[in-house]
């Protein structure tokens, strides 16, 4: 079996002999086998044990066993104690998730502290099959059906080429004891139920099923590489400025494209399905923890969720900055040249009453667009200009002391405040946006 693991490590390029490798050591059969196999293969290793204080005397028993094992084999050992229940309550996560967060956070920091290149975890082939079955039961896509990867960030899994029975036979052959976590024997969580009830029955019905499922996961991993490349090409070609146009000629792949685009932004698969169902309902909005998606007429648009910028009061001429550090310069000049720059407004100074206000557009706002006589709802004007729903929400205006809009920033000044032949002084407003 040592030779099988060695070949797997070399084929997957998991470990190198001149590097230092950390081994996660719980004291169970899998991690004990991993520790001794790597030692016998000649790798430089140190061990790390986490006492989560969840099983009373049994947790202390495991720690003492690990200490004795590492002392017997002259392997440096690092031990840490966690108050897992307190962490779970504080962060509002399950005990299982809390233990995972604490464990991998500690491993990452320890690798940095001791100069280890990676951390080796004792996941084996049966664990990979369990993970695939769990994800299948939860309705996973292709990413969830590829099982456990041999290499992921700093984590290495050298035992994925063997199963649990191989490990037990190896330990029995060298007369090596191990400890058993009694919680793994209770069919109380999904993984344990799959391990203790589903997979044994499946193996009984179809001998060799677990090995075949593992092979399927490997085939899917190869297919996933093709899928990822195609998805990336689609996203690069069809999503611009956080907009996904509905008429893009990718109808067969639209659900996948949306999912892969939105999933990193915190949207789940149920939301993706709802978005597709509502693709013709302009104005519908969906929220993740960090982002907002709005269904517009021609596209889906996404933006980060941020606090709206507060109104900026302008008591007199000068330069002012808003919360986004955008600079607004207000000056009086006798130069009556009308600006055509989008972020420079020229207004008849005698018609504009200070103090001014820079604010976001509000429902019901009206103004008289330059060159027109009648007033128009700002929202209607922006719609006519084909401004997206999200851009409408971010549209700013400058109002004077009477509340009248003097400038729809970046788009049109109000005709009532235009520079005319009778103008003697001009209020020039210049905006410098921070990139």
Protein backbone atom coordinates (compact mmCIF):
# COMPACT_ATOMS: atom_id res chain seq x y z
CA UNK A 1 0.00 0.00 0.00
CA UNK A 2 2.91 2.35 0.64
CA UNK A 3 3.86 2.09 -3.01
CA UNK A 4 0.29 2.88 -4.09
CA UNK A 5 0.24 6.06 -1.97
CA UNK A 6 3.71 7.04 -3.17
CA UNK A 7 2.67 6.78 -6.82
CA UNK A 8 -0.51 8.76 -6.14
CA UNK A 9 1.46 11.54 -4.46
CA UNK A 10 3.86 11.69 -7.40
CA UNK A 11 1.14 11.56 -10.05
CA UNK A 12 -0.89 14.35 -8.42
CA UNK A 13 2.25 16.32 -7.48
CA UNK A 14 1.03 16.62 -3.89
CA UNK A 15 4.21 16.60 -1.81
CA UNK A 16 7.94 17.20 -2.21
CA UNK A 17 10.59 15.69 0.02
CA UNK A 18 12.52 18.92 0.58
CA UNK A 19 9.37 20.67 1.94
CA UNK A 20 7.99 20.51 5.47
CA UNK A 21 4.46 19.09 5.66
CA UNK A 22 1.97 19.45 8.50
CA UNK A 23 -0.25 16.42 9.24
CA UNK A 24 -3.67 16.85 10.80
CA UNK A 25 -3.71 14.14 13.50
CA UNK A 26 -6.94 13.33 15.34
CA UNK A 27 -5.82 9.92 16.61
CA UNK A 28 -8.34 8.04 14.49
CA UNK A 29 -7.37 5.24 12.11
CA UNK A 30 -7.20 7.46 9.01
CA UNK A 31 -4.94 10.17 10.41
CA UNK A 32 -2.70 7.68 12.23
CA UNK A 33 -2.21 5.75 8.99
CA UNK A 34 -1.47 8.99 7.10
CA UNK A 35 1.13 10.05 9.66
CA UNK A 36 2.99 6.72 9.61
CA UNK A 37 2.78 6.28 5.84
CA UNK A 38 4.30 9.71 5.20
CA UNK A 39 6.98 9.03 7.80
CA UNK A 40 7.84 5.68 6.20
CA UNK A 41 7.93 7.33 2.75
CA UNK A 42 10.58 9.71 4.03
CA UNK A 43 8.70 13.01 4.05
CA UNK A 44 9.53 15.77 6.54
CA UNK A 45 6.46 16.02 8.75
CA UNK A 46 5.13 17.60 11.92
CA UNK A 47 1.73 16.82 13.44
CA UNK A 48 -1.09 19.05 14.66
CA UNK A 49 -3.92 17.98 16.98
CA UNK A 50 -7.08 19.97 17.74
CA UNK A 51 -8.94 19.31 20.98
CA UNK A 52 -12.42 20.72 20.39
CA UNK A 53 -13.60 19.93 23.95
CA UNK A 54 -16.79 18.37 22.66
CA UNK A 55 -16.57 14.81 24.02
CA UNK A 56 -15.31 15.26 27.57
CA UNK A 57 -12.93 12.52 28.69
CA UNK A 58 -12.89 11.02 25.20
CA UNK A 59 -11.39 14.24 23.78
CA UNK A 60 -8.67 14.18 26.46
CA UNK A 61 -8.06 10.50 25.72
CA UNK A 62 -7.51 11.29 22.05
CA UNK A 63 -5.05 14.05 22.89
CA UNK A 64 -3.02 11.83 25.18
CA UNK A 65 -2.94 9.06 22.57
CA UNK A 66 -1.64 11.49 19.96
CA UNK A 67 1.03 12.78 22.33
CA UNK A 68 2.24 9.25 23.04
CA UNK A 69 2.22 8.28 19.35
CA UNK A 70 4.28 11.28 18.25
CA UNK A 71 6.71 10.80 21.12
CA UNK A 72 7.15 7.13 20.17
CA UNK A 73 7.96 8.04 16.55
CA UNK A 74 9.91 11.21 17.36
CA UNK A 75 7.54 13.44 15.39
CA UNK A 76 7.09 17.08 16.51
CA UNK A 77 3.53 17.71 17.69
CA UNK A 78 1.48 20.90 18.03
CA UNK A 79 -1.68 20.84 20.17
CA UNK A 80 -4.40 23.46 20.52
CA UNK A 81 -7.62 23.57 22.58
CA UNK A 82 -10.81 25.21 21.31
CA UNK A 83 -14.06 26.23 22.98
CA UNK A 84 -16.02 25.06 19.96
CA UNK A 85 -19.50 25.54 21.44
CA UNK A 86 -18.79 29.16 22.34
CA UNK A 87 -17.41 29.83 18.85
CA UNK A 88 -20.47 28.25 17.24
CA UNK A 89 -22.84 30.35 19.38
CA UNK A 90 -20.90 33.55 18.76
CA UNK A 91 -20.77 33.08 14.98
CA UNK A 92 -24.23 31.44 14.72
CA UNK A 93 -22.96 28.34 12.91
CA UNK A 94 -23.33 24.62 13.53
CA UNK A 95 -20.89 22.76 15.76
CA UNK A 96 -19.63 20.89 12.70
CA UNK A 97 -18.98 24.14 10.79
CA UNK A 98 -17.42 25.77 13.85
CA UNK A 99 -14.97 22.88 14.25
CA UNK A 100 -14.09 23.07 10.55
CA UNK A 101 -13.47 26.83 10.68
CA UNK A 102 -11.34 26.55 13.80
CA UNK A 103 -9.37 23.57 12.51
CA UNK A 104 -8.45 24.98 9.11
CA UNK A 105 -7.82 28.46 10.47
CA UNK A 106 -5.37 26.97 12.96
CA UNK A 107 -3.69 24.79 10.33
CA UNK A 108 -3.18 27.77 8.03
CA UNK A 109 -1.64 29.89 10.77
CA UNK A 110 0.52 27.03 12.02
CA UNK A 111 1.85 26.38 8.52
CA UNK A 112 2.98 30.00 8.38
CA UNK A 113 4.51 29.86 11.87
CA UNK A 114 6.60 26.72 11.31
CA UNK A 115 7.30 27.21 7.61
CA UNK A 116 5.25 24.21 6.45
CA UNK A 117 4.32 24.15 2.76
CA UNK A 118 0.93 22.50 3.28
CA UNK A 119 -1.29 20.49 5.61
CA UNK A 120 -2.02 16.82 4.88
CA UNK A 121 -5.52 15.58 5.72
CA UNK A 122 -6.48 11.90 5.92
CA UNK A 123 -9.49 11.91 3.61
CA UNK A 124 -9.68 8.63 1.70
CA UNK A 125 -11.73 7.30 -1.21
CA UNK A 126 -14.77 6.47 0.94
CA UNK A 127 -14.85 10.06 2.24
CA UNK A 128 -14.88 11.30 -1.35
CA UNK A 129 -17.83 9.04 -2.17
CA UNK A 130 -19.70 10.19 0.97
CA UNK A 131 -19.18 13.81 -0.03
CA UNK A 132 -20.45 13.18 -3.56
CA UNK A 133 -23.55 11.40 -2.21
CA UNK A 134 -24.24 14.21 0.27
CA UNK A 135 -24.00 16.82 -2.46
CA UNK A 136 -26.15 14.73 -4.78
CA UNK A 137 -28.83 14.49 -2.09
CA UNK A 138 -28.73 18.28 -1.66
CA UNK A 139 -29.10 18.95 -5.38
CA UNK A 140 -25.57 20.00 -6.29
CA UNK A 141 -24.36 20.99 -9.74
CA UNK A 142 -21.28 19.66 -11.48
CA UNK A 143 -18.88 21.24 -8.95
CA UNK A 144 -20.47 19.30 -6.10
CA UNK A 145 -20.31 15.98 -7.93
CA UNK A 146 -16.54 15.89 -8.37
CA UNK A 147 -15.96 14.61 -4.84
CA UNK A 148 -12.95 15.70 -2.81
CA UNK A 149 -9.94 17.03 -4.68
CA UNK A 150 -6.43 15.72 -3.95
CA UNK A 151 -5.17 19.30 -3.70
CA UNK A 152 -7.04 22.43 -2.66
CA UNK A 153 -5.17 25.57 -1.60
CA UNK A 154 -2.78 24.43 1.18
CA UNK A 155 -4.65 21.17 1.80
CA UNK A 156 -3.23 17.89 0.49
CA UNK A 157 -5.01 14.51 0.59
CA UNK A 158 -2.50 11.71 -0.09
CA UNK A 159 -4.88 8.87 0.87
CA UNK A 160 -7.60 9.43 -1.76
CA UNK A 161 -6.20 6.48 -3.68
CA UNK A 162 -7.16 3.98 -0.94
CA UNK A 163 -10.29 3.17 1.02
CA UNK A 164 -11.11 2.69 4.68
CA UNK A 165 -10.61 -1.08 4.53
CA UNK A 166 -7.12 -0.60 3.08
CA UNK A 167 -6.28 1.68 6.00
CA UNK A 168 -7.51 -0.77 8.64
CA UNK A 169 -5.59 -3.61 7.03
CA UNK A 170 -2.42 -1.50 6.95
CA UNK A 171 -2.69 -0.59 10.64
CA UNK A 172 -3.42 -4.21 11.55
CA UNK A 173 -0.38 -5.38 9.59
CA UNK A 174 1.97 -3.16 11.61
CA UNK A 175 0.17 -3.70 14.91
CA UNK A 176 -0.70 -0.02 15.30
CA UNK A 177 -3.56 0.99 17.59
CA UNK A 178 -5.82 4.01 17.11
CA UNK A 179 -8.73 5.70 18.86
CA UNK A 180 -12.36 5.78 17.75
CA UNK A 181 -14.55 8.88 17.86
CA UNK A 182 -17.83 7.53 19.22
CA UNK A 183 -19.79 10.35 17.54
CA UNK A 184 -18.85 8.86 14.14
CA UNK A 185 -20.78 5.71 15.08
CA UNK A 186 -24.07 7.55 15.58
CA UNK A 187 -26.36 7.96 12.56
CA UNK A 188 -27.42 11.46 13.65
CA UNK A 189 -26.10 13.68 10.86
CA UNK A 190 -26.34 13.29 7.09
CA UNK A 191 -22.73 12.21 6.54
CA UNK A 192 -22.94 9.52 9.24
CA UNK A 193 -26.24 8.26 7.87
CA UNK A 194 -24.76 7.93 4.40
CA UNK A 195 -21.64 6.24 5.82
CA UNK A 196 -23.41 3.83 8.17
CA UNK A 197 -26.66 3.13 6.34
CA UNK A 198 -26.73 4.12 2.68
CA UNK A 199 -23.30 3.09 1.37
CA UNK A 200 -23.20 -0.37 3.00
CA UNK A 201 -26.62 -1.12 1.50
CA UNK A 202 -25.54 0.19 -1.89
CA UNK A 203 -22.40 -1.94 -1.79
CA UNK A 204 -24.52 -4.95 -0.89
CA UNK A 205 -26.91 -4.34 -3.77
CA UNK A 206 -24.17 -3.54 -6.30
CA UNK A 207 -20.73 -4.81 -5.20
CA UNK A 208 -18.01 -2.39 -6.25
CA UNK A 209 -20.43 0.55 -6.27
CA UNK A 210 -18.22 2.80 -4.14
CA UNK A 211 -15.19 2.28 -6.37
CA UNK A 212 -17.30 3.00 -9.44
CA UNK A 213 -18.80 6.14 -7.88
CA UNK A 214 -15.29 7.37 -7.15
CA UNK A 215 -14.31 6.76 -10.78
CA UNK A 216 -17.36 8.71 -11.89
CA UNK A 217 -16.28 11.63 -9.70
CA UNK A 218 -12.91 11.61 -11.43
CA UNK A 219 -14.58 11.58 -14.86
CA UNK A 220 -16.76 14.50 -13.78
CA UNK A 221 -13.68 16.37 -12.61
CA UNK A 222 -12.28 16.16 -16.13
CA UNK A 223 -15.62 17.29 -17.57
CA UNK A 224 -15.65 20.13 -15.05
CA UNK A 225 -12.44 21.53 -16.53
CA UNK A 226 -14.09 21.75 -19.95
CA UNK A 227 -17.23 23.23 -18.39
CA UNK A 228 -15.24 25.86 -16.47
CA UNK A 229 -13.41 26.97 -19.59
CA UNK A 230 -16.62 27.27 -21.58
CA UNK A 231 -18.37 29.15 -18.78
CA UNK A 232 -15.45 31.57 -18.45
CA UNK A 233 -15.56 32.27 -22.19
CA UNK A 234 -19.30 32.97 -22.01
CA UNK A 235 -18.93 35.28 -19.01
CA UNK A 236 -16.06 37.15 -20.65
CA UNK A 237 -18.02 37.55 -23.88
CA UNK A 238 -21.58 38.19 -22.70
CA UNK A 239 -21.29 39.94 -19.33
CA UNK A 240 -20.01 43.51 -19.44
CA UNK A 241 -20.14 46.20 -16.76
CA UNK A 242 -22.00 43.75 -14.49
CA UNK A 243 -24.79 43.43 -17.06
CA UNK A 244 -25.98 40.17 -18.58
CA UNK A 245 -28.08 40.81 -21.68
CA UNK A 246 -31.15 38.61 -21.96
CA UNK A 247 -30.99 38.31 -25.74
CA UNK A 248 -27.51 36.76 -25.63
CA UNK A 249 -27.45 33.75 -27.94
CA UNK A 250 -26.74 31.24 -25.15
CA UNK A 251 -30.25 30.13 -24.26
CA UNK A 252 -29.29 26.46 -23.62
CA UNK A 253 -26.62 27.58 -21.16
CA UNK A 254 -28.33 30.57 -19.55
CA UNK A 255 -29.12 28.84 -16.20
CA UNK A 256 -25.51 27.68 -15.88
CA UNK A 257 -24.10 31.06 -16.90
CA UNK A 258 -26.28 32.88 -14.40
CA UNK A 259 -25.42 30.44 -11.63
CA UNK A 260 -21.67 30.64 -12.19
CA UNK A 261 -21.82 34.44 -12.49
CA UNK A 262 -23.99 34.99 -9.43
CA UNK A 263 -22.82 32.24 -7.07
CA UNK A 264 -19.54 34.02 -6.15
CA UNK A 265 -21.68 37.08 -5.36
CA UNK A 266 -23.67 35.16 -2.76
CA UNK A 267 -26.78 34.22 -4.77
CA UNK A 268 -27.95 30.63 -4.32
CA UNK A 269 -29.38 28.22 -6.89
CA UNK A 270 -32.98 28.84 -5.79
CA UNK A 271 -32.55 32.57 -6.40
CA UNK A 272 -31.04 31.87 -9.82
CA UNK A 273 -34.13 29.86 -10.76
CA UNK A 274 -36.39 32.66 -9.50
CA UNK A 275 -34.44 35.24 -11.51
CA UNK A 276 -34.93 33.21 -14.68
CA UNK A 277 -38.65 32.85 -13.96
CA UNK A 278 -38.91 36.63 -13.56
CA UNK A 279 -36.70 37.64 -16.45
CA UNK A 280 -39.49 39.65 -18.10
CA UNK A 281 -40.63 41.38 -14.90
CA UNK A 282 -38.73 44.66 -15.19
CA UNK A 283 -37.87 46.13 -11.82
CA UNK A 284 -37.80 42.86 -9.86
CA UNK A 285 -35.00 42.86 -7.34
CA UNK A 286 -33.05 40.05 -5.69
CA UNK A 287 -30.59 40.36 -2.82
CA UNK A 288 -27.68 38.30 -1.57
CA UNK A 289 -25.75 39.20 1.58
CA UNK A 290 -23.47 41.49 -0.41
CA UNK A 291 -25.06 42.25 -3.78
CA UNK A 292 -28.26 43.39 -5.46
CA UNK A 293 -29.57 42.11 -8.81
CA UNK A 294 -32.23 44.04 -10.72
CA UNK A 295 -34.16 42.78 -13.72
CA UNK A 296 -33.96 45.54 -16.33
CA UNK A 297 -35.67 45.74 -19.70
CA UNK A 298 -32.81 44.23 -21.69
CA UNK A 299 -30.48 42.76 -19.09
CA UNK A 300 -29.84 41.60 -15.55
CA UNK A 301 -27.65 44.05 -13.65
CA UNK A 302 -25.73 43.51 -10.41
CA UNK A 303 -24.12 45.92 -7.97
CA UNK A 304 -22.64 45.71 -4.45
CA UNK A 305 -25.01 46.68 -1.64
CA UNK A 306 -23.78 49.98 -0.22
CA UNK A 307 -25.20 52.75 1.89
CA UNK A 308 -26.54 55.55 -0.34
CA UNK A 309 -24.46 58.71 -0.39
CA UNK A 310 -25.87 61.37 1.91
CA UNK A 311 -26.90 64.77 0.53
CA UNK A 312 -24.09 67.32 0.30
CA UNK A 313 -24.93 70.87 1.39
CA UNK A 314 -23.28 73.72 -0.52
CA UNK A 315 -23.65 76.98 1.47
CA UNK A 316 -21.48 79.10 -0.84
CA UNK A 317 -18.94 78.91 -3.64
CA UNK A 318 -15.88 76.71 -3.06
CA UNK A 319 -14.81 73.10 -3.38
CA UNK A 320 -16.61 70.33 -1.49
CA UNK A 321 -16.26 66.55 -1.28
CA UNK A 322 -18.93 63.96 -0.70
CA UNK A 323 -18.54 60.60 1.11
CA UNK A 324 -17.13 59.03 -2.06
CA UNK A 325 -14.50 61.79 -2.18
CA UNK A 326 -15.96 63.20 -5.39
CA UNK A 327 -14.94 66.86 -5.65
CA UNK A 328 -17.56 69.49 -6.50
CA UNK A 329 -16.20 72.92 -7.39
CA UNK A 330 -18.59 75.89 -7.42
CA UNK A 331 -17.29 79.20 -8.78
CA UNK A 332 -18.66 82.48 -10.14
CA UNK A 333 -17.17 83.70 -13.42
CA UNK A 334 -17.87 86.34 -16.05
CA UNK A 335 -17.01 83.86 -18.82
CA UNK A 336 -20.42 83.14 -20.37
CA UNK A 337 -19.22 80.31 -22.59
CA UNK A 338 -21.66 77.41 -22.25
CA UNK A 339 -19.94 74.16 -21.35
CA UNK A 340 -20.64 71.01 -23.31
CA UNK A 341 -18.67 68.77 -20.94
CA UNK A 342 -20.89 66.21 -19.14
CA UNK A 343 -19.44 67.00 -15.72
CA UNK A 344 -19.27 70.77 -16.07
CA UNK A 345 -22.43 72.86 -15.76
CA UNK A 346 -22.75 76.55 -16.61
CA UNK A 347 -25.77 78.33 -15.13
CA UNK A 348 -27.02 81.91 -14.84
CA UNK A 349 -25.68 82.83 -11.39
CA UNK A 350 -28.36 85.44 -10.76
CA UNK A 351 -31.10 82.84 -11.12
CA UNK A 352 -29.55 80.24 -8.77
CA UNK A 353 -30.14 80.73 -5.05
CA UNK A 354 -27.69 79.38 -2.48
CA UNK A 355 -27.48 77.21 -0.47
CA UNK A 356 -27.38 74.37 -2.97
CA UNK A 357 -27.73 70.65 -2.37
CA UNK A 358 -26.21 67.69 -4.18
CA UNK A 359 -28.43 64.65 -3.67
CA UNK A 360 -29.75 61.49 -5.25
CA UNK A 361 -32.80 61.79 -7.46
CA UNK A 362 -36.09 61.26 -5.63
CA UNK A 363 -39.46 59.93 -6.74
CA UNK A 364 -41.54 62.72 -8.25
CA UNK A 365 -38.57 64.96 -9.12
CA UNK A 366 -39.26 67.18 -12.14
CA UNK A 367 -37.13 69.56 -14.17
CA UNK A 368 -37.21 71.44 -17.45
CA UNK A 369 -34.55 69.85 -19.68
CA UNK A 370 -32.29 72.36 -21.43
CA UNK A 371 -33.85 73.44 -24.72
CA UNK A 372 -37.38 72.51 -23.68
CA UNK A 373 -40.25 74.58 -22.29
CA UNK A 374 -42.35 72.12 -20.31
CA UNK A 375 -41.30 70.20 -17.21
CA UNK A 376 -40.69 66.47 -17.25
CA UNK A 377 -40.38 63.79 -14.60
CA UNK A 378 -36.72 62.99 -14.13
CA UNK A 379 -37.59 59.28 -14.14
CA UNK A 380 -39.29 59.63 -17.55
CA UNK A 381 -36.35 61.59 -18.92
CA UNK A 382 -33.91 58.91 -17.77
CA UNK A 383 -36.12 56.18 -19.24
CA UNK A 384 -36.14 58.00 -22.57
CA UNK A 385 -32.35 58.11 -22.37
CA UNK A 386 -32.33 54.31 -21.81
CA UNK A 387 -30.68 54.66 -18.40
CA UNK A 388 -30.69 51.38 -16.46
CA UNK A 389 -32.72 50.96 -13.27
CA UNK A 390 -29.62 50.85 -11.06
CA UNK A 391 -28.06 53.87 -12.77
CA UNK A 392 -31.32 55.75 -12.19
CA UNK A 393 -31.02 55.08 -8.49
CA UNK A 394 -27.49 56.50 -8.48
CA UNK A 395 -28.39 59.57 -10.51
CA UNK A 396 -27.56 62.78 -8.65
CA UNK A 397 -29.01 66.25 -9.04
CA UNK A 398 -28.09 69.74 -7.86
CA UNK A 399 -30.95 71.73 -6.34
CA UNK A 400 -31.02 75.33 -5.21
CA UNK A 401 -32.52 76.94 -2.11
CA UNK A 402 -36.04 76.75 -3.57
CA UNK A 403 -35.71 72.99 -4.17
CA UNK A 404 -35.63 73.39 -7.94
CA UNK A 405 -33.34 71.06 -9.85
CA UNK A 406 -30.73 73.17 -11.62
CA UNK A 407 -28.67 70.28 -13.01
CA UNK A 408 -29.27 66.61 -13.67
CA UNK A 409 -25.62 65.79 -13.13
CA UNK A 410 -23.75 64.47 -16.14
CA UNK A 411 -26.83 64.72 -18.39
CA UNK A 412 -28.74 68.01 -18.71
CA UNK A 413 -29.07 71.39 -17.00
CA UNK A 414 -32.45 72.92 -16.29
CA UNK A 415 -33.63 75.32 -19.00
CA UNK A 416 -34.86 77.83 -16.41
CA UNK A 417 -31.27 78.44 -15.27
CA UNK A 418 -29.64 78.48 -18.70
CA UNK A 419 -27.01 81.00 -19.73
CA UNK A 420 -28.61 83.57 -22.08
CA UNK A 421 -27.64 86.82 -23.79
CA UNK A 422 -28.73 88.65 -20.65
CA UNK A 423 -26.44 86.63 -18.37
CA UNK A 424 -23.68 88.66 -16.73
CA UNK A 425 -22.36 86.16 -14.21
CA UNK A 426 -22.08 82.40 -14.59
CA UNK A 427 -22.14 79.75 -11.87
CA UNK A 428 -19.74 77.07 -13.07
CA UNK A 429 -19.97 73.67 -11.37
CA UNK A 430 -17.17 71.20 -12.05
CA UNK A 431 -17.10 67.60 -10.83
CA UNK A 432 -13.99 65.48 -10.50
CA UNK A 433 -14.92 61.86 -9.78
CA UNK A 434 -12.50 59.55 -7.98
CA UNK A 435 -11.64 56.46 -10.06
